[in-house]
Amino acid sequence: MRFAGALVTAALLLAAPAFTPPSAAEPAAWAAADTIALAGADGGALEPAGLASDAFGNLWVSDAARHRLVRFDAAGARLDETGTLGSENNQFRRPGALARWGASAVVVLDRENRRVVAYDAQGRRSDFVVDLAAAELETQLGRVDGVSLAADRGGQLYVADGDRDRVLVFDFAGSFQRSLGGVGSGAGAFQHLAALAAVPRGGLVTVEWLAGGKRKGRGGAPDSVTPPRARVQRLEVGGAPLAQWEFACGARAELSVAVDDEGRVAVGDGARGEVRVFDAAGAPLARIPDCGRVAALAFAPDGALLVAAPGRLLRLAPVVARAQD
């Protein structure tokens, strides 16, 4: 599981400095800049499961329904695609989350093949980086079924294991390093872990889906119903909790997350068709409705928020309020 070539230089990006909240002016709103049609070479609309914007602004979209990876340029013109149903090279079984990795590569979580695969900037497969089904790894960790994937600037990979509510950390060569979290309701633990993203300046942001439900009243009090909620946690690289917040979400666990260079956190709620944006401490900045069935999020190099839904990608540009004279 060695990742060779120029991308190994990612290992030289060591120990990012501790994260501090941004001092720049926060966006007052996010305005729709344009909409890009997401379709493959066959003309069929994509069913996005993952989204990434690489160092050159190109867009990568995983299509879980047709087991393929499709690239677009920054303007939305389709560049190429790869993948068919299968388990061999350049084949997938329901590819999911995507993440930019190192200087110019992208990694994809091949969910049902239980592996992480790397591609270079030209869309060529580079290597199987992590084999989640490897016998040695299963002996150490048990079965791992990844539900989300993130990568930091040092080349470390983070795989969210939804069944065991933990985050598995691998180095740039694909070697297992440690496990974060575990089942629980406290800070640093997880319940129904759904998505995660790496903070560019170091650390992780995770999103959980809390199902809610009916609670029987005590002492003659009426029964109450707790609505579903999403919990967001910001963690240090080692897993120590830094902040957490919750908000009401849809009745299904269709959650996605992205973090920009300033530490702002965008959370997509596919069940409600909306995206919420928070600052690094969890203060709400924006609530963006009418986004369709949000499936994946990413931030572009120019700071635009990219929202992928079936058949389309919405590009949202940040609008910063001008100071009054």
Protein backbone atom coordinates (compact mmCIF):
# COMPACT_ATOMS: atom_id res chain seq x y z
CA MET A 1 0.00 0.00 0.00
CA ARG A 2 2.85 2.40 -0.84
CA PHE A 3 2.02 5.62 -2.67
CA ALA A 4 4.97 6.34 -4.94
CA GLY A 5 6.05 9.29 -7.06
CA ALA A 6 5.73 12.99 -6.64
CA LEU A 7 2.79 12.73 -4.28
CA VAL A 8 5.04 11.39 -1.53
CA THR A 9 6.12 15.00 -1.09
CA ALA A 10 2.88 15.38 0.87
CA ALA A 11 4.75 13.75 3.74
CA LEU A 12 6.95 16.83 3.98
CA LEU A 13 4.00 18.99 5.00
CA LEU A 14 4.39 18.22 8.67
CA ALA A 15 2.44 19.27 11.75
CA ALA A 16 0.23 22.13 10.69
CA PRO A 17 -0.05 24.90 13.31
CA ALA A 18 -2.88 24.83 15.80
CA PHE A 19 -6.13 26.18 14.44
CA THR A 20 -7.23 29.67 15.44
CA PRO A 21 -10.50 31.32 14.38
CA PRO A 22 -10.19 33.57 11.32
CA SER A 23 -9.90 37.31 11.68
CA ALA A 24 -11.11 38.09 8.16
CA ALA A 25 -14.59 39.47 7.63
CA GLU A 26 -17.20 36.73 7.56
CA PRO A 27 -19.50 36.42 4.53
CA ALA A 28 -22.89 38.02 5.13
CA ALA A 29 -24.49 35.73 2.55
CA TRP A 30 -23.76 33.15 -0.12
CA ALA A 31 -25.09 34.06 -3.56
CA ALA A 32 -25.77 31.58 -6.35
CA ALA A 33 -23.13 32.24 -9.02
CA ASP A 34 -24.01 29.53 -11.54
CA THR A 35 -25.35 26.00 -11.93
CA ILE A 36 -23.45 23.23 -13.70
CA ALA A 37 -25.20 20.23 -15.23
CA LEU A 38 -23.66 16.98 -13.97
CA ALA A 39 -23.84 14.36 -16.70
CA GLY A 40 -21.58 11.57 -17.89
CA ALA A 41 -20.39 10.69 -21.39
CA ASP A 42 -23.59 8.69 -21.89
CA GLY A 43 -25.70 11.78 -21.18
CA GLY A 44 -27.08 10.30 -17.99
CA ALA A 45 -27.41 12.55 -14.95
CA LEU A 46 -24.93 11.81 -12.20
CA GLU A 47 -26.00 10.66 -8.74
CA PRO A 48 -23.22 12.33 -6.74
CA ALA A 49 -21.88 10.65 -3.63
CA GLY A 50 -18.63 12.60 -3.35
CA LEU A 51 -17.22 15.93 -4.54
CA ALA A 52 -13.76 17.48 -4.55
CA SER A 53 -12.11 20.52 -6.09
CA ASP A 54 -8.43 19.94 -6.87
CA ALA A 55 -5.49 22.37 -6.85
CA PHE A 56 -6.30 23.46 -10.40
CA GLY A 57 -9.99 24.11 -9.74
CA ASN A 58 -11.12 20.98 -11.57
CA LEU A 59 -14.18 19.26 -10.12
CA TRP A 60 -14.27 15.56 -9.31
CA VAL A 61 -17.63 13.84 -8.80
CA SER A 62 -18.19 10.22 -7.80
CA ASP A 63 -21.33 8.66 -9.29
CA ALA A 64 -22.38 5.82 -6.98
CA ALA A 65 -25.28 4.70 -9.18
CA ARG A 66 -23.09 4.07 -12.24
CA HIS A 67 -19.88 3.22 -10.39
CA ARG A 68 -17.71 5.90 -12.01
CA LEU A 69 -15.60 8.96 -11.34
CA VAL A 70 -16.18 12.01 -13.57
CA ARG A 71 -14.00 15.13 -13.89
CA PHE A 72 -15.09 18.60 -14.96
CA ASP A 73 -13.08 21.76 -15.44
CA ALA A 74 -13.79 24.83 -13.30
CA ALA A 75 -16.36 26.07 -15.84
CA GLY A 76 -18.28 22.78 -15.77
CA ALA A 77 -17.11 21.23 -19.04
CA ARG A 78 -16.68 17.48 -18.69
CA LEU A 79 -13.04 16.42 -19.02
CA ASP A 80 -13.14 12.64 -18.70
CA GLU A 81 -14.48 9.77 -16.66
CA THR A 82 -13.30 6.41 -15.44
CA GLY A 83 -14.86 3.38 -13.84
CA THR A 84 -17.28 0.53 -14.33
CA LEU A 85 -18.86 -1.91 -11.91
CA GLY A 86 -16.26 -4.29 -10.54
CA SER A 87 -13.31 -4.80 -8.24
CA GLU A 88 -10.35 -4.57 -10.62
CA ASN A 89 -8.22 -1.52 -11.46
CA ASN A 90 -10.35 1.50 -12.43
CA GLN A 91 -13.50 -0.27 -11.31
CA PHE A 92 -15.75 0.66 -8.39
CA ARG A 93 -18.61 -0.60 -6.31
CA ARG A 94 -20.52 2.48 -5.20
CA PRO A 95 -17.73 5.06 -4.97
CA GLY A 96 -18.41 7.61 -2.26
CA ALA A 97 -16.56 10.45 -0.59
CA LEU A 98 -13.71 12.27 -2.35
CA ALA A 99 -10.90 14.35 -0.87
CA ARG A 100 -8.01 16.37 -2.20
CA TRP A 101 -4.75 14.69 -1.15
CA GLY A 102 -1.28 16.15 -1.10
CA ALA A 103 -0.18 18.68 -3.69
CA SER A 104 -2.48 17.66 -6.54
CA ALA A 105 -3.94 14.18 -6.05
CA VAL A 106 -7.48 13.11 -5.14
CA VAL A 107 -8.56 10.05 -3.17
CA VAL A 108 -11.90 8.26 -3.41
CA LEU A 109 -13.62 5.93 -0.95
CA ASP A 110 -14.63 2.84 -2.94
CA ARG A 111 -17.28 1.83 -0.44
CA GLU A 112 -18.37 -1.68 -1.33
CA ASN A 113 -14.86 -2.70 -2.41
CA ARG A 114 -13.76 -1.35 0.98
CA ARG A 115 -10.69 0.51 -0.18
CA VAL A 116 -9.29 4.01 -0.74
CA VAL A 117 -7.93 4.70 -4.23
CA ALA A 118 -5.71 7.61 -5.33
CA TYR A 119 -5.76 9.45 -8.67
CA ASP A 120 -3.28 12.00 -9.98
CA ALA A 121 -4.11 15.44 -11.35
CA GLN A 122 -4.73 14.02 -14.84
CA GLY A 123 -7.31 11.55 -13.59
CA ARG A 124 -5.02 8.51 -13.81
CA ARG A 125 -5.22 5.92 -11.05
CA SER A 126 -2.05 6.01 -8.97
CA ASP A 127 -2.48 3.33 -6.31
CA PHE A 128 -4.69 1.54 -3.82
CA VAL A 129 -3.75 3.58 -0.76
CA VAL A 130 -5.73 1.74 1.91
CA ASP A 131 -7.24 -1.74 1.73
CA LEU A 132 -9.91 -1.76 4.42
CA ALA A 133 -10.56 -5.46 3.76
CA ALA A 134 -6.93 -6.53 4.34
CA ALA A 135 -6.74 -9.53 6.67
CA GLU A 136 -4.15 -7.89 8.92
CA LEU A 137 -6.27 -4.77 9.35
CA GLU A 138 -9.43 -6.77 10.03
CA THR A 139 -7.59 -8.80 12.67
CA GLN A 140 -6.59 -5.56 14.39
CA LEU A 141 -9.80 -3.54 13.98
CA GLY A 142 -12.59 -5.89 12.93
CA ARG A 143 -14.62 -5.25 9.81
CA VAL A 144 -14.44 -1.65 8.58
CA ASP A 145 -17.20 -0.20 6.41
CA GLY A 146 -16.24 3.35 5.54
CA VAL A 147 -18.96 5.96 5.13
CA SER A 148 -16.84 9.09 4.65
CA LEU A 149 -13.28 10.13 3.89
CA ALA A 150 -11.04 13.15 4.52
CA ALA A 151 -7.37 14.03 3.99
CA ASP A 152 -5.23 16.73 5.56
CA ARG A 153 -2.35 18.74 4.14
CA GLY A 154 0.18 16.40 5.74
CA GLY A 155 -1.16 13.50 3.70
CA GLN A 156 -2.94 11.70 6.54
CA LEU A 157 -6.21 9.98 5.65
CA TYR A 158 -9.28 9.78 7.87
CA VAL A 159 -11.95 7.13 7.28
CA ALA A 160 -15.27 7.36 9.11
CA ASP A 161 -16.44 3.89 10.19
CA GLY A 162 -20.18 4.38 10.62
CA ASP A 163 -20.98 0.98 12.09
CA ARG A 164 -18.52 1.39 14.96
CA ASP A 165 -18.76 5.20 15.25
CA ARG A 166 -15.02 5.80 15.03
CA VAL A 167 -12.52 7.59 12.81
CA LEU A 168 -9.55 5.57 11.56
CA VAL A 169 -6.34 7.47 10.81
CA PHE A 170 -3.83 6.30 8.17
CA ASP A 171 -0.53 7.86 7.16
CA PHE A 172 0.34 8.92 3.59
CA ALA A 173 1.59 5.39 2.82
CA GLY A 174 -1.68 3.78 3.94
CA SER A 175 -0.44 2.41 7.27
CA PHE A 176 -2.95 2.44 10.12
CA GLN A 177 -2.00 4.87 12.90
CA ARG A 178 -4.80 5.15 15.43
CA SER A 179 -8.53 5.20 16.05
CA LEU A 180 -10.49 8.22 17.28
CA GLY A 181 -13.83 8.39 19.03
CA GLY A 182 -16.10 5.43 19.61
CA VAL A 183 -19.75 5.03 20.49
CA GLY A 184 -21.01 7.58 22.99
CA SER A 185 -22.84 10.85 23.51
CA GLY A 186 -20.02 12.80 25.11
CA ALA A 187 -17.60 15.18 23.44
CA GLY A 188 -15.14 13.31 21.23
CA ALA A 189 -17.41 10.26 20.92
CA PHE A 190 -19.93 9.64 18.15
CA GLN A 191 -23.50 8.53 17.53
CA HIS A 192 -24.43 7.65 13.93
CA LEU A 193 -21.30 9.21 12.42
CA ALA A 194 -22.27 10.40 8.94
CA ALA A 195 -19.54 12.64 7.48
CA LEU A 196 -16.20 14.27 8.20
CA ALA A 197 -13.80 16.82 6.74
CA ALA A 198 -10.23 17.86 7.51
CA VAL A 199 -9.56 21.40 8.74
CA PRO A 200 -6.82 22.87 6.51
CA ARG A 201 -4.92 24.30 9.49
CA GLY A 202 -5.12 21.05 11.43
CA GLY A 203 -7.90 18.97 12.97
CA LEU A 204 -11.20 17.44 11.93
CA VAL A 205 -14.86 18.33 11.71
CA THR A 206 -17.36 15.49 12.10
CA VAL A 207 -21.12 15.36 11.66
CA GLU A 208 -23.46 12.90 13.35
CA TRP A 209 -27.16 12.24 12.80
CA LEU A 210 -29.14 12.06 16.06
CA ALA A 211 -32.40 10.33 15.21
CA GLY A 212 -34.53 11.77 18.00
CA GLY A 213 -37.76 9.99 18.91
CA LYS A 214 -40.60 9.81 21.37
CA ARG A 215 -39.94 10.22 25.08
CA LYS A 216 -42.51 9.09 27.63
CA GLY A 217 -43.55 11.77 30.11
CA ARG A 218 -43.00 11.25 33.81
CA GLY A 219 -45.33 11.97 36.68
CA GLY A 220 -48.33 12.50 34.43
CA ALA A 221 -46.55 14.82 32.07
CA PRO A 222 -47.41 14.39 28.38
CA ASP A 223 -45.11 12.47 26.08
CA SER A 224 -42.66 14.54 24.09
CA VAL A 225 -41.09 14.10 20.68
CA THR A 226 -37.46 14.98 20.06
CA PRO A 227 -36.88 15.91 16.41
CA PRO A 228 -33.84 14.64 14.52
CA ARG A 229 -30.74 16.74 15.00
CA ALA A 230 -27.27 16.98 13.55
CA ARG A 231 -24.30 17.31 15.87
CA VAL A 232 -21.11 18.93 14.59
CA GLN A 233 -17.82 18.47 16.43
CA ARG A 234 -14.49 20.16 15.79
CA LEU A 235 -11.59 18.02 17.00
CA GLU A 236 -7.86 18.36 17.33
CA VAL A 237 -5.71 16.03 15.21
CA GLY A 238 -5.46 13.67 18.18
CA GLY A 239 -9.23 13.63 18.66
CA ALA A 240 -9.55 16.03 21.61
CA PRO A 241 -12.79 18.04 21.31
CA LEU A 242 -12.53 21.78 20.70
CA ALA A 243 -16.15 22.74 20.00
CA GLN A 244 -19.53 21.19 19.27
CA TRP A 245 -22.99 22.39 18.29
CA GLU A 246 -26.32 20.96 17.16
CA PHE A 247 -29.17 21.99 14.89
CA ALA A 248 -32.44 20.50 13.68
CA CYS A 249 -32.09 18.42 10.53
CA GLY A 250 -34.06 16.14 8.24
CA ALA A 251 -35.59 12.80 9.12
CA ARG A 252 -32.95 10.87 7.17
CA ALA A 253 -29.19 10.80 7.66
CA GLU A 254 -28.32 12.64 4.43
CA LEU A 255 -25.57 14.84 5.83
CA SER A 256 -22.37 16.12 4.23
CA VAL A 257 -19.68 18.56 5.36
CA ALA A 258 -16.86 20.74 4.02
CA VAL A 259 -14.42 23.17 5.66
CA ASP A 260 -12.78 26.14 3.93
CA ASP A 261 -9.31 27.63 4.43
CA GLU A 262 -10.61 30.00 7.10
CA GLY A 263 -12.19 27.20 9.13
CA ARG A 264 -15.80 27.92 8.15
CA VAL A 265 -17.95 24.80 8.21
CA ALA A 266 -20.68 24.01 5.66
CA VAL A 267 -23.12 21.21 6.44
CA GLY A 268 -25.48 19.87 3.78
CA ASP A 269 -28.86 18.39 4.71
CA GLY A 270 -30.16 16.39 1.77
CA ALA A 271 -33.47 15.57 3.43
CA ARG A 272 -34.31 19.27 3.81
CA GLY A 273 -32.53 20.46 0.68
CA GLU A 274 -30.48 23.08 2.47
CA VAL A 275 -26.96 24.00 3.49
CA ARG A 276 -25.94 25.71 6.73
CA VAL A 277 -22.68 27.60 7.17
CA PHE A 278 -21.04 28.20 10.56
CA ASP A 279 -17.89 29.91 11.76
CA ALA A 280 -15.11 27.89 13.39
CA ALA A 281 -16.77 28.08 16.81
CA GLY A 282 -20.23 27.05 15.55
CA ALA A 283 -21.89 30.46 15.28
CA PRO A 284 -24.35 30.38 12.34
CA LEU A 285 -23.40 32.47 9.32
CA ALA A 286 -25.93 31.44 6.69
CA ARG A 287 -28.81 29.08 5.96
CA ILE A 288 -29.17 28.37 2.25
CA PRO A 289 -32.47 26.75 1.18
CA ASP A 290 -33.60 25.29 -2.16
CA CYS A 291 -30.37 23.39 -2.82
CA GLY A 292 -32.04 20.16 -3.94
CA ARG A 293 -31.16 16.77 -2.47
CA VAL A 294 -27.71 17.79 -1.28
CA ALA A 295 -25.33 14.84 -1.61
CA ALA A 296 -21.85 16.34 -1.26
CA LEU A 297 -20.07 19.63 -0.56
CA ALA A 298 -16.66 21.13 -1.30
CA PHE A 299 -14.95 24.51 -1.29
CA ALA A 300 -13.22 25.65 -4.48
CA PRO A 301 -9.78 27.34 -4.43
CA ASP A 302 -11.47 30.72 -5.00
CA GLY A 303 -13.59 30.26 -1.86
CA ALA A 304 -16.84 29.35 -3.63
CA LEU A 305 -19.04 26.78 -1.93
CA LEU A 306 -19.90 23.88 -4.25
CA VAL A 307 -23.11 21.93 -3.66
CA ALA A 308 -23.67 18.67 -5.54
CA ALA A 309 -27.17 17.25 -5.98
CA PRO A 310 -28.53 14.71 -8.49
CA GLY A 311 -27.79 16.01 -11.98
CA ARG A 312 -26.46 19.43 -10.98
CA LEU A 313 -23.81 21.36 -9.11
CA LEU A 314 -24.59 24.73 -7.55
CA ARG A 315 -21.74 27.22 -7.13
CA LEU A 316 -22.28 29.71 -4.31
CA ALA A 317 -20.04 32.76 -3.99
CA PRO A 318 -19.44 34.39 -0.58
CA VAL A 319 -20.73 37.95 -0.22
CA VAL A 320 -19.00 40.02 2.46
CA ALA A 321 -20.92 42.99 3.84
CA ARG A 322 -19.11 46.30 3.37
CA ALA A 323 -18.26 48.29 6.44
CA GLN A 324 -20.30 51.44 6.90
CA ASP A 325 -18.45 54.75 6.59
